[in-house]
Protein backbone atom coordinates (compact mmCIF):
# COMPACT_ATOMS: atom_id res chain seq x y z
CA UNK A 1 -8.20 5.16 1.94
CA UNK A 2 -11.11 7.49 3.60
CA UNK A 3 -12.95 5.90 6.31
CA UNK A 4 -16.00 5.25 4.15
CA UNK A 5 -14.63 3.31 1.06
CA UNK A 6 -13.10 0.87 4.20
CA UNK A 7 -15.45 0.37 5.94
CA UNK A 8 -17.65 -0.37 2.40
CA UNK A 9 -14.77 -2.61 1.07
CA UNK A 10 -15.53 -4.46 5.09
CA UNK A 11 -18.26 -4.37 3.96
CA UNK A 12 -18.02 -6.55 0.33
CA UNK A 13 -16.18 -8.11 1.65
CA UNK A 14 -18.32 -9.45 4.84
CA UNK A 15 -21.04 -10.86 2.57
CA UNK A 16 -18.90 -12.80 0.50
CA UNK A 17 -16.89 -14.67 3.82
CA UNK A 18 -17.97 -17.56 5.86
CA UNK A 19 -19.46 -18.35 9.09
CA UNK A 20 -16.03 -18.42 10.47
CA UNK A 21 -14.58 -14.87 9.36
CA UNK A 22 -17.57 -13.24 10.26
CA UNK A 23 -17.89 -14.63 13.82
CA UNK A 24 -14.13 -13.76 14.17
CA UNK A 25 -15.24 -10.34 13.23
CA UNK A 26 -17.97 -10.14 15.25
CA UNK A 27 -15.95 -11.78 18.86
CA UNK A 28 -13.56 -8.97 17.71
CA UNK A 29 -15.39 -6.17 17.54
CA UNK A 30 -17.08 -7.52 20.32
CA UNK A 31 -13.73 -7.53 23.06
CA UNK A 32 -13.18 -3.79 21.44
CA UNK A 33 -16.49 -2.74 22.19
CA UNK A 34 -15.53 -4.36 25.58
CA UNK A 35 -11.91 -2.71 26.45
CA UNK A 36 -11.40 -0.20 28.77
CA UNK A 37 -10.37 3.15 26.82
CA UNK A 38 -10.24 5.69 29.50
CA UNK A 39 -11.33 6.73 33.68
CA UNK A 40 -13.94 9.17 35.73
CA UNK A 41 -13.31 11.99 37.53
CA UNK A 42 -13.71 9.56 40.02
CA UNK A 43 -11.28 6.23 38.05
CA UNK A 44 -14.54 3.98 37.66
CA UNK A 45 -13.15 2.55 33.78
CA UNK A 46 -14.97 2.88 30.92
CA UNK A 47 -15.50 0.86 28.18
CA UNK A 48 -15.64 2.89 25.09
CA UNK A 49 -19.14 2.44 24.28
CA UNK A 50 -19.39 4.23 27.90
CA UNK A 51 -17.51 6.59 27.35
CA UNK A 52 -19.41 7.81 24.41
CA UNK A 53 -23.06 7.92 25.49
CA UNK A 54 -21.00 10.42 28.80
CA UNK A 55 -19.52 12.35 25.21
CA UNK A 56 -22.97 12.45 23.61
CA UNK A 57 -24.68 13.03 27.29
CA UNK A 58 -21.56 16.18 27.55
CA UNK A 59 -22.78 17.30 24.14
CA UNK A 60 -26.57 17.13 25.44
CA UNK A 61 -26.04 20.05 28.59
CA UNK A 62 -23.67 21.77 26.16
CA UNK A 63 -27.05 21.78 23.46
CA UNK A 64 -29.73 22.77 26.07
CA UNK A 65 -27.89 24.43 28.48
CA UNK A 66 -27.24 22.96 31.62
CA UNK A 67 -23.33 24.05 31.92
CA UNK A 68 -21.92 26.46 34.01
CA UNK A 69 -19.85 29.26 32.46
CA UNK A 70 -16.54 29.21 33.68
CA UNK A 71 -17.41 32.63 34.42
CA UNK A 72 -20.32 32.10 37.19
CA UNK A 73 -17.78 29.38 37.75
CA UNK A 74 -15.27 31.22 39.67
CA UNK A 75 -17.52 33.64 41.57
CA UNK A 76 -18.75 30.37 43.06
CA UNK A 77 -15.27 29.55 44.27
CA UNK A 78 -14.74 32.95 45.69
CA UNK A 79 -17.69 32.45 47.62
CA UNK A 80 -16.17 29.18 49.07
CA UNK A 81 -13.24 30.88 50.08
CA UNK A 82 -14.99 33.18 51.75
CA UNK A 83 -16.71 30.57 53.78
CA UNK A 84 -13.59 29.14 55.09
C-alpha cells in the first residue's frame, strides 16, 4: 500500500471513529511531533517539526543563493591557516 493510499484509508476510517479513538490518534500524533529526532551542530535536540523547519530554511538559503560554494570556503579556510 502506498503512502497516499494509506493516508486515504486512515482518513476514511477517522470519519467514522468515535471521540475516544480520535483522541487516541491525536495524542499519538502529538507525541510523534514532540519526540526528539535529531540534534543540531551544537547538540541542541530537535523535534520533527523543528527539524523540518531547519530543512526548509536550508532549502530556501540554497534557492536564494545564501550559501558559500565549497571552493570559496576552502579558500577562506586557507586564509585562516595563513593568519596563524
